[in-house]
Amino acid sequence: MDDENDTQIDSTLYTESFTSIVLSTPVEFNVQVRVSFGASIDFTFLGRSYTFRVWRTGGRSNDKFIKGFHSYMPRDTEVFGSIGSDASGALVVRMSTDQKTAAVVHACKDIAACLDKILTVHMTSVMDYALWYREEHPEDNDYSSLISLITCHCIVHAEFMSSRVPRQIVKF
Protein backbone atom coordinates (compact mmCIF):
# COMPACT_ATOMS: atom_id res chain seq x y z
CA MET A 1 0.00 0.00 0.00
CA ASP A 2 2.76 2.49 0.88
CA ASP A 3 4.65 1.62 -2.33
CA GLU A 4 1.54 2.41 -4.38
CA ASN A 5 1.10 5.78 -2.64
CA ASP A 6 4.81 6.58 -3.10
CA THR A 7 4.52 5.76 -6.81
CA GLN A 8 1.48 8.00 -7.20
CA ILE A 9 3.14 10.89 -5.34
CA ASP A 10 6.30 10.47 -7.41
CA SER A 11 4.50 10.34 -10.77
CA THR A 12 4.96 13.24 -13.16
CA LEU A 13 2.24 15.86 -13.10
CA TYR A 14 3.70 18.32 -15.61
CA THR A 15 6.77 18.83 -17.80
CA GLU A 16 8.09 22.00 -19.37
CA SER A 17 11.25 23.06 -21.15
CA PHE A 18 12.72 26.54 -21.08
CA THR A 19 15.93 28.20 -22.14
CA SER A 20 17.96 30.31 -19.75
CA ILE A 21 21.31 32.02 -20.16
CA VAL A 22 24.16 30.50 -18.13
CA LEU A 23 27.53 32.20 -18.50
CA SER A 24 26.37 33.91 -21.70
CA THR A 25 25.33 30.56 -23.20
CA PRO A 26 21.72 29.53 -23.85
CA VAL A 27 20.99 26.32 -21.93
CA GLU A 28 17.84 24.23 -22.28
CA PHE A 29 16.34 23.15 -18.97
CA ASN A 30 13.72 20.39 -18.74
CA VAL A 31 11.51 20.52 -15.66
CA GLN A 32 9.41 17.69 -14.29
CA VAL A 33 6.93 18.55 -11.57
CA ARG A 34 5.64 15.58 -9.59
CA VAL A 35 2.22 15.08 -8.08
CA SER A 36 3.80 15.93 -4.71
CA PHE A 37 4.99 19.25 -6.28
CA GLY A 38 8.59 18.16 -5.92
CA ALA A 39 10.56 18.84 -9.09
CA SER A 40 13.66 17.92 -11.00
CA ILE A 41 15.55 19.94 -13.58
CA ASP A 42 17.58 18.17 -16.29
CA PHE A 43 20.09 20.08 -18.40
CA THR A 44 23.42 19.81 -20.14
CA PHE A 45 26.18 22.33 -19.49
CA LEU A 46 29.65 22.28 -21.04
CA GLY A 47 29.00 18.79 -22.41
CA ARG A 48 27.88 17.24 -19.13
CA SER A 49 24.35 16.24 -18.18
CA TYR A 50 23.02 17.19 -14.77
CA THR A 51 19.86 16.62 -12.77
CA PHE A 52 18.94 19.06 -10.03
CA ARG A 53 16.45 17.45 -7.64
CA VAL A 54 14.93 20.67 -6.51
CA TRP A 55 13.26 19.75 -3.25
CA ARG A 56 11.33 17.21 -1.35
CA THR A 57 7.98 18.50 -0.45
CA GLY A 58 5.87 18.11 2.61
CA GLY A 59 3.24 20.10 4.47
CA ARG A 60 5.43 22.75 6.14
CA SER A 61 7.98 23.01 3.31
CA ASN A 62 5.18 23.54 0.80
CA ASP A 63 3.65 26.26 2.97
CA LYS A 64 7.03 27.96 3.46
CA PHE A 65 7.70 27.89 -0.29
CA ILE A 66 4.23 29.16 -1.24
CA LYS A 67 4.30 31.93 1.37
CA GLY A 68 7.80 33.02 0.32
CA PHE A 69 6.93 32.83 -3.37
CA HIS A 70 3.93 35.13 -2.96
CA SER A 71 5.66 37.48 -0.51
CA TYR A 72 8.75 37.99 -2.68
CA MET A 73 6.97 40.13 -5.29
CA PRO A 74 3.47 40.75 -6.60
CA ARG A 75 2.27 37.72 -8.58
CA ASP A 76 -0.40 37.40 -11.24
CA THR A 77 -3.29 35.82 -9.33
CA GLU A 78 -4.70 34.28 -12.51
CA VAL A 79 -1.44 32.37 -13.06
CA PHE A 80 -0.24 31.78 -9.48
CA GLY A 81 -3.32 32.08 -7.23
CA SER A 82 -3.03 33.89 -3.94
CA ILE A 83 -2.47 33.46 -0.22
CA GLY A 84 -4.05 35.03 2.82
CA SER A 85 -4.70 34.40 6.49
CA ASP A 86 -7.72 33.18 8.34
CA ALA A 87 -9.06 34.78 11.56
CA SER A 88 -6.49 32.90 13.65
CA GLY A 89 -3.61 34.05 11.42
CA ALA A 90 -3.09 30.64 9.81
CA LEU A 91 -1.96 30.61 6.19
CA VAL A 92 -4.75 30.13 3.66
CA VAL A 93 -3.59 29.06 0.20
CA ARG A 94 -5.95 29.80 -2.67
CA MET A 95 -4.19 27.99 -5.50
CA SER A 96 -5.37 25.33 -7.90
CA THR A 97 -3.12 22.44 -8.90
CA ASP A 98 -2.25 24.32 -12.11
CA GLN A 99 -1.35 27.46 -10.14
CA LYS A 100 0.86 25.51 -7.70
CA THR A 101 2.54 23.84 -10.66
CA ALA A 102 3.14 27.24 -12.28
CA ALA A 103 4.77 28.45 -9.04
CA VAL A 104 7.08 25.42 -8.93
CA VAL A 105 8.08 25.89 -12.60
CA HIS A 106 8.73 29.59 -11.97
CA ALA A 107 10.93 28.66 -8.99
CA CYS A 108 12.89 26.28 -11.27
CA LYS A 109 13.48 29.20 -13.64
CA ASP A 110 14.68 31.25 -10.67
CA ILE A 111 17.06 28.42 -9.74
CA ALA A 112 18.51 28.51 -13.28
CA ALA A 113 18.97 32.29 -12.97
CA CYS A 114 20.59 31.85 -9.54
CA LEU A 115 22.95 29.24 -10.99
CA ASP A 116 24.05 31.76 -13.60
CA LYS A 117 24.68 34.39 -10.91
CA ILE A 118 26.74 31.98 -8.81
CA LEU A 119 28.78 30.86 -11.83
CA THR A 120 29.38 34.44 -12.93
CA VAL A 121 30.94 35.30 -9.58
CA HIS A 122 32.46 31.95 -8.51
CA MET A 123 33.10 30.02 -11.72
CA THR A 124 36.43 28.53 -10.69
CA SER A 125 35.19 27.53 -7.26
CA VAL A 126 31.45 26.93 -7.65
CA MET A 127 31.48 23.77 -5.48
CA ASP A 128 33.45 25.49 -2.73
CA TYR A 129 31.01 28.39 -2.79
CA ALA A 130 27.96 26.09 -2.66
CA LEU A 131 29.38 24.15 0.28
CA TRP A 132 30.30 27.36 2.09
CA TYR A 133 26.89 28.92 1.47
CA ARG A 134 25.03 25.87 2.80
CA GLU A 135 27.12 25.90 5.98
CA GLU A 136 27.17 29.64 6.61
CA HIS A 137 23.68 30.59 5.36
CA PRO A 138 21.30 27.74 6.14
CA GLU A 139 18.40 30.14 6.66
CA ASP A 140 15.52 30.00 4.22
CA ASN A 141 13.37 32.71 5.78
CA ASP A 142 12.49 34.37 2.50
CA TYR A 143 12.14 33.36 -1.14
CA SER A 144 15.51 34.76 -2.22
CA SER A 145 17.35 32.85 0.52
CA LEU A 146 15.35 29.71 -0.22
CA ILE A 147 16.20 29.80 -3.95
CA SER A 148 19.89 30.45 -3.18
CA LEU A 149 19.99 27.60 -0.68
CA ILE A 150 18.19 25.16 -3.00
CA THR A 151 20.53 26.09 -5.86
CA CYS A 152 23.57 25.42 -3.67
CA HIS A 153 22.13 22.10 -2.48
CA CYS A 154 21.56 21.12 -6.12
CA ILE A 155 25.11 22.13 -7.10
CA VAL A 156 26.53 19.91 -4.35
CA HIS A 157 24.25 16.90 -4.85
CA ALA A 158 24.66 16.92 -8.64
CA GLU A 159 28.44 17.40 -8.28
CA PHE A 160 28.04 20.30 -10.69
CA MET A 161 31.26 21.11 -12.56
CA SER A 162 33.23 18.78 -10.30
CA SER A 163 36.27 16.99 -11.61
CA ARG A 164 34.50 13.63 -11.42
CA VAL A 165 37.75 11.96 -10.44
CA PRO A 166 37.22 8.38 -9.26
CA ARG A 167 37.47 8.38 -5.49
CA GLN A 168 39.45 5.81 -3.55
CA ILE A 169 37.96 4.67 -0.30
CA VAL A 170 40.22 5.47 2.65
CA LYS A 171 39.54 3.50 5.82
CA PHE A 172 40.96 3.85 9.27
C-alpha atoms as a PDB file:
ATOM      1  CA  MET A   1       0.000   0.000   0.000  1.00  0.00           C
ATOM      2  CA  ASP A   2       2.765   2.486   0.876  1.00  0.00           C
ATOM      3  CA  ASP A   3       4.646   1.624  -2.330  1.00  0.00           C
ATOM      4  CA  GLU A   4       1.542   2.410  -4.376  1.00  0.00           C
ATOM      5  CA  ASN A   5       1.099   5.776  -2.637  1.00  0.00           C
ATOM      6  CA  ASP A   6       4.805   6.580  -3.098  1.00  0.00           C
ATOM      7  CA  THR A   7       4.518   5.759  -6.807  1.00  0.00           C
ATOM      8  CA  GLN A   8       1.476   8.004  -7.196  1.00  0.00           C
ATOM      9  CA  ILE A   9       3.135  10.889  -5.343  1.00  0.00           C
ATOM     10  CA  ASP A  10       6.302  10.474  -7.411  1.00  0.00           C
ATOM     11  CA  SER A  11       4.505  10.336 -10.772  1.00  0.00           C
ATOM     12  CA  THR A  12       4.962  13.240 -13.158  1.00  0.00           C
ATOM     13  CA  LEU A  13       2.239  15.857 -13.100  1.00  0.00           C
ATOM     14  CA  TYR A  14       3.701  18.315 -15.612  1.00  0.00           C
ATOM     15  CA  THR A  15       6.769  18.831 -17.799  1.00  0.00           C
ATOM     16  CA  GLU A  16       8.085  21.996 -19.368  1.00  0.00           C
ATOM     17  CA  SER A  17      11.251  23.063 -21.149  1.00  0.00           C
ATOM     18  CA  PHE A  18      12.724  26.537 -21.076  1.00  0.00           C
ATOM     19  CA  THR A  19      15.931  28.195 -22.138  1.00  0.00           C
ATOM     20  CA  SER A  20      17.959  30.313 -19.754  1.00  0.00           C
ATOM     21  CA  ILE A  21      21.313  32.019 -20.157  1.00  0.00           C
ATOM     22  CA  VAL A  22      24.158  30.500 -18.133  1.00  0.00           C
ATOM     23  CA  LEU A  23      27.534  32.196 -18.498  1.00  0.00           C
ATOM     24  CA  SER A  24      26.371  33.911 -21.700  1.00  0.00           C
ATOM     25  CA  THR A  25      25.329  30.565 -23.203  1.00  0.00           C
ATOM     26  CA  PRO A  26      21.717  29.529 -23.849  1.00  0.00           C
ATOM     27  CA  VAL A  27      20.992  26.317 -21.933  1.00  0.00           C
ATOM     28  CA  GLU A  28      17.837  24.235 -22.284  1.00  0.00           C
ATOM     29  CA  PHE A  29      16.337  23.145 -18.966  1.00  0.00           C
ATOM     30  CA  ASN A  30      13.720  20.385 -18.741  1.00  0.00           C
ATOM     31  CA  VAL A  31      11.511  20.517 -15.657  1.00  0.00           C
ATOM     32  CA  GLN A  32       9.412  17.694 -14.287  1.00  0.00           C
ATOM     33  CA  VAL A  33       6.926  18.547 -11.569  1.00  0.00           C
ATOM     34  CA  ARG A  34       5.641  15.582  -9.594  1.00  0.00           C
ATOM     35  CA  VAL A  35       2.220  15.080  -8.076  1.00  0.00           C
ATOM     36  CA  SER A  36       3.798  15.933  -4.707  1.00  0.00           C
ATOM     37  CA  PHE A  37       4.994  19.251  -6.277  1.00  0.00           C
ATOM     38  CA  GLY A  38       8.593  18.160  -5.918  1.00  0.00           C
ATOM     39  CA  ALA A  39      10.561  18.839  -9.087  1.00  0.00           C
ATOM     40  CA  SER A  40      13.661  17.924 -11.000  1.00  0.00           C
ATOM     41  CA  ILE A  41      15.554  19.941 -13.580  1.00  0.00           C
ATOM     42  CA  ASP A  42      17.577  18.167 -16.287  1.00  0.00           C
ATOM     43  CA  PHE A  43      20.089  20.085 -18.400  1.00  0.00           C
ATOM     44  CA  THR A  44      23.425  19.807 -20.143  1.00  0.00           C
ATOM     45  CA  PHE A  45      26.179  22.326 -19.492  1.00  0.00           C
ATOM     46  CA  LEU A  46      29.649  22.275 -21.038  1.00  0.00           C
ATOM     47  CA  GLY A  47      29.000  18.788 -22.411  1.00  0.00           C
ATOM     48  CA  ARG A  48      27.876  17.236 -19.128  1.00  0.00           C
ATOM     49  CA  SER A  49      24.350  16.237 -18.175  1.00  0.00           C
ATOM     50  CA  TYR A  50      23.016  17.192 -14.768  1.00  0.00           C
ATOM     51  CA  THR A  51      19.855  16.625 -12.772  1.00  0.00           C
ATOM     52  CA  PHE A  52      18.936  19.055 -10.027  1.00  0.00           C
ATOM     53  CA  ARG A  53      16.454  17.452  -7.636  1.00  0.00           C
ATOM     54  CA  VAL A  54      14.927  20.665  -6.515  1.00  0.00           C
ATOM     55  CA  TRP A  55      13.257  19.751  -3.249  1.00  0.00           C
ATOM     56  CA  ARG A  56      11.334  17.206  -1.352  1.00  0.00           C
ATOM     57  CA  THR A  57       7.980  18.500  -0.447  1.00  0.00           C
ATOM     58  CA  GLY A  58       5.868  18.107   2.606  1.00  0.00           C
ATOM     59  CA  GLY A  59       3.243  20.102   4.475  1.00  0.00           C
ATOM     60  CA  ARG A  60       5.433  22.750   6.139  1.00  0.00           C
ATOM     61  CA  SER A  61       7.979  23.007   3.313  1.00  0.00           C
ATOM     62  CA  ASN A  62       5.182  23.540   0.798  1.00  0.00           C
ATOM     63  CA  ASP A  63       3.651  26.257   2.971  1.00  0.00           C
ATOM     64  CA  LYS A  64       7.033  27.961   3.458  1.00  0.00           C
ATOM     65  CA  PHE A  65       7.697  27.886  -0.290  1.00  0.00           C
ATOM     66  CA  ILE A  66       4.225  29.156  -1.242  1.00  0.00           C
ATOM     67  CA  LYS A  67       4.296  31.932   1.371  1.00  0.00           C
ATOM     68  CA  GLY A  68       7.801  33.016   0.320  1.00  0.00           C
ATOM     69  CA  PHE A  69       6.929  32.825  -3.367  1.00  0.00           C
ATOM     70  CA  HIS A  70       3.934  35.132  -2.965  1.00  0.00           C
ATOM     71  CA  SER A  71       5.663  37.477  -0.510  1.00  0.00           C
ATOM     72  CA  TYR A  72       8.750  37.993  -2.684  1.00  0.00           C
ATOM     73  CA  MET A  73       6.972  40.126  -5.286  1.00  0.00           C
ATOM     74  CA  PRO A  74       3.474  40.752  -6.601  1.00  0.00           C
ATOM     75  CA  ARG A  75       2.266  37.725  -8.579  1.00  0.00           C
ATOM     76  CA  ASP A  76      -0.397  37.397 -11.241  1.00  0.00           C
ATOM     77  CA  THR A  77      -3.293  35.823  -9.329  1.00  0.00           C
ATOM     78  CA  GLU A  78      -4.695  34.277 -12.513  1.00  0.00           C
ATOM     79  CA  VAL A  79      -1.440  32.367 -13.057  1.00  0.00           C
ATOM     80  CA  PHE A  80      -0.244  31.779  -9.476  1.00  0.00           C
ATOM     81  CA  GLY A  81      -3.319  32.083  -7.233  1.00  0.00           C
ATOM     82  CA  SER A  82      -3.028  33.886  -3.936  1.00  0.00           C
ATOM     83  CA  ILE A  83      -2.473  33.456  -0.224  1.00  0.00           C
ATOM     84  CA  GLY A  84      -4.047  35.026   2.818  1.00  0.00           C
ATOM     85  CA  SER A  85      -4.699  34.395   6.488  1.00  0.00           C
ATOM     86  CA  ASP A  86      -7.719  33.180   8.343  1.00  0.00           C
ATOM     87  CA  ALA A  87      -9.057  34.780  11.562  1.00  0.00           C
ATOM     88  CA  SER A  88      -6.485  32.898  13.652  1.00  0.00           C
ATOM     89  CA  GLY A  89      -3.613  34.045  11.415  1.00  0.00           C
ATOM     90  CA  ALA A  90      -3.092  30.643   9.808  1.00  0.00           C
ATOM     91  CA  LEU A  91      -1.964  30.609   6.186  1.00  0.00           C
ATOM     92  CA  VAL A  92      -4.754  30.127   3.662  1.00  0.00           C
ATOM     93  CA  VAL A  93      -3.592  29.064   0.205  1.00  0.00           C
ATOM     94  CA  ARG A  94      -5.950  29.797  -2.668  1.00  0.00           C
ATOM     95  CA  MET A  95      -4.193  27.991  -5.496  1.00  0.00           C
ATOM     96  CA  SER A  96      -5.374  25.333  -7.902  1.00  0.00           C
ATOM     97  CA  THR A  97      -3.122  22.440  -8.903  1.00  0.00           C
ATOM     98  CA  ASP A  98      -2.246  24.317 -12.113  1.00  0.00           C
ATOM     99  CA  GLN A  99      -1.345  27.455 -10.143  1.00  0.00           C
ATOM    100  CA  LYS A 100       0.856  25.506  -7.697  1.00  0.00           C
ATOM    101  CA  THR A 101       2.538  23.835 -10.664  1.00  0.00           C
ATOM    102  CA  ALA A 102       3.144  27.239 -12.281  1.00  0.00           C
ATOM    103  CA  ALA A 103       4.766  28.454  -9.043  1.00  0.00           C
ATOM    104  CA  VAL A 104       7.083  25.422  -8.934  1.00  0.00           C
ATOM    105  CA  VAL A 105       8.076  25.892 -12.601  1.00  0.00           C
ATOM    106  CA  HIS A 106       8.727  29.594 -11.966  1.00  0.00           C
ATOM    107  CA  ALA A 107      10.930  28.663  -8.994  1.00  0.00           C
ATOM    108  CA  CYS A 108      12.885  26.283 -11.267  1.00  0.00           C
ATOM    109  CA  LYS A 109      13.478  29.196 -13.643  1.00  0.00           C
ATOM    110  CA  ASP A 110      14.676  31.252 -10.674  1.00  0.00           C
ATOM    111  CA  ILE A 111      17.059  28.422  -9.738  1.00  0.00           C
ATOM    112  CA  ALA A 112      18.514  28.510 -13.275  1.00  0.00           C
ATOM    113  CA  ALA A 113      18.974  32.290 -12.966  1.00  0.00           C
ATOM    114  CA  CYS A 114      20.595  31.846  -9.542  1.00  0.00           C
ATOM    115  CA  LEU A 115      22.952  29.235 -10.989  1.00  0.00           C
ATOM    116  CA  ASP A 116      24.054  31.762 -13.605  1.00  0.00           C
ATOM    117  CA  LYS A 117      24.678  34.392 -10.909  1.00  0.00           C
ATOM    118  CA  ILE A 118      26.736  31.984  -8.811  1.00  0.00           C
ATOM    119  CA  LEU A 119      28.777  30.863 -11.827  1.00  0.00           C
ATOM    120  CA  THR A 120      29.377  34.440 -12.929  1.00  0.00           C
ATOM    121  CA  VAL A 121      30.943  35.297  -9.577  1.00  0.00           C
ATOM    122  CA  HIS A 122      32.458  31.947  -8.511  1.00  0.00           C
ATOM    123  CA  MET A 123      33.098  30.018 -11.724  1.00  0.00           C
ATOM    124  CA  THR A 124      36.426  28.529 -10.692  1.00  0.00           C
ATOM    125  CA  SER A 125      35.186  27.525  -7.256  1.00  0.00           C
ATOM    126  CA  VAL A 126      31.446  26.929  -7.647  1.00  0.00           C
ATOM    127  CA  MET A 127      31.479  23.766  -5.482  1.00  0.00           C
ATOM    128  CA  ASP A 128      33.455  25.486  -2.728  1.00  0.00           C
ATOM    129  CA  TYR A 129      31.005  28.386  -2.790  1.00  0.00           C
ATOM    130  CA  ALA A 130      27.959  26.085  -2.663  1.00  0.00           C
ATOM    131  CA  LEU A 131      29.380  24.145   0.278  1.00  0.00           C
ATOM    132  CA  TRP A 132      30.303  27.361   2.094  1.00  0.00           C
ATOM    133  CA  TYR A 133      26.887  28.922   1.468  1.00  0.00           C
ATOM    134  CA  ARG A 134      25.033  25.867   2.798  1.00  0.00           C
ATOM    135  CA  GLU A 135      27.123  25.896   5.980  1.00  0.00           C
ATOM    136  CA  GLU A 136      27.168  29.638   6.607  1.00  0.00           C
ATOM    137  CA  HIS A 137      23.685  30.591   5.363  1.00  0.00           C
ATOM    138  CA  PRO A 138      21.295  27.738   6.137  1.00  0.00           C
ATOM    139  CA  GLU A 139      18.398  30.137   6.664  1.00  0.00           C
ATOM    140  CA  ASP A 140      15.524  30.002   4.216  1.00  0.00           C
ATOM    141  CA  ASN A 141      13.365  32.709   5.776  1.00  0.00           C
ATOM    142  CA  ASP A 142      12.486  34.374   2.496  1.00  0.00           C
ATOM    143  CA  TYR A 143      12.139  33.365  -1.142  1.00  0.00           C
ATOM    144  CA  SER A 144      15.510  34.759  -2.220  1.00  0.00           C
ATOM    145  CA  SER A 145      17.351  32.854   0.519  1.00  0.00           C
ATOM    146  CA  LEU A 146      15.355  29.708  -0.218  1.00  0.00           C
ATOM    147  CA  ILE A 147      16.200  29.796  -3.947  1.00  0.00           C
ATOM    148  CA  SER A 148      19.886  30.448  -3.184  1.00  0.00           C
ATOM    149  CA  LEU A 149      19.991  27.596  -0.676  1.00  0.00           C
ATOM    150  CA  ILE A 150      18.191  25.157  -3.002  1.00  0.00           C
ATOM    151  CA  THR A 151      20.533  26.090  -5.859  1.00  0.00           C
ATOM    152  CA  CYS A 152      23.566  25.424  -3.666  1.00  0.00           C
ATOM    153  CA  HIS A 153      22.125  22.098  -2.477  1.00  0.00           C
ATOM    154  CA  CYS A 154      21.561  21.122  -6.117  1.00  0.00           C
ATOM    155  CA  ILE A 155      25.108  22.127  -7.095  1.00  0.00           C
ATOM    156  CA  VAL A 156      26.531  19.912  -4.348  1.00  0.00           C
ATOM    157  CA  HIS A 157      24.254  16.899  -4.850  1.00  0.00           C
ATOM    158  CA  ALA A 158      24.663  16.923  -8.639  1.00  0.00           C
ATOM    159  CA  GLU A 159      28.438  17.400  -8.284  1.00  0.00           C
ATOM    160  CA  PHE A 160      28.038  20.300 -10.686  1.00  0.00           C
ATOM    161  CA  MET A 161      31.256  21.112 -12.561  1.00  0.00           C
ATOM    162  CA  SER A 162      33.226  18.781 -10.296  1.00  0.00           C
ATOM    163  CA  SER A 163      36.268  16.992 -11.615  1.00  0.00           C
ATOM    164  CA  ARG A 164      34.501  13.626 -11.416  1.00  0.00           C
ATOM    165  CA  VAL A 165      37.747  11.962 -10.437  1.00  0.00           C
ATOM    166  CA  PRO A 166      37.220   8.378  -9.256  1.00  0.00           C
ATOM    167  CA  ARG A 167      37.466   8.377  -5.495  1.00  0.00           C
ATOM    168  CA  GLN A 168      39.453   5.809  -3.552  1.00  0.00           C
ATOM    169  CA  ILE A 169      37.963   4.670  -0.298  1.00  0.00           C
ATOM    170  CA  VAL A 170      40.223   5.475   2.653  1.00  0.00           C
ATOM    171  CA  LYS A 171      39.539   3.496   5.815  1.00  0.00           C
ATOM    172  CA  PHE A 172      40.960   3.852   9.274  1.00  0.00           C
END
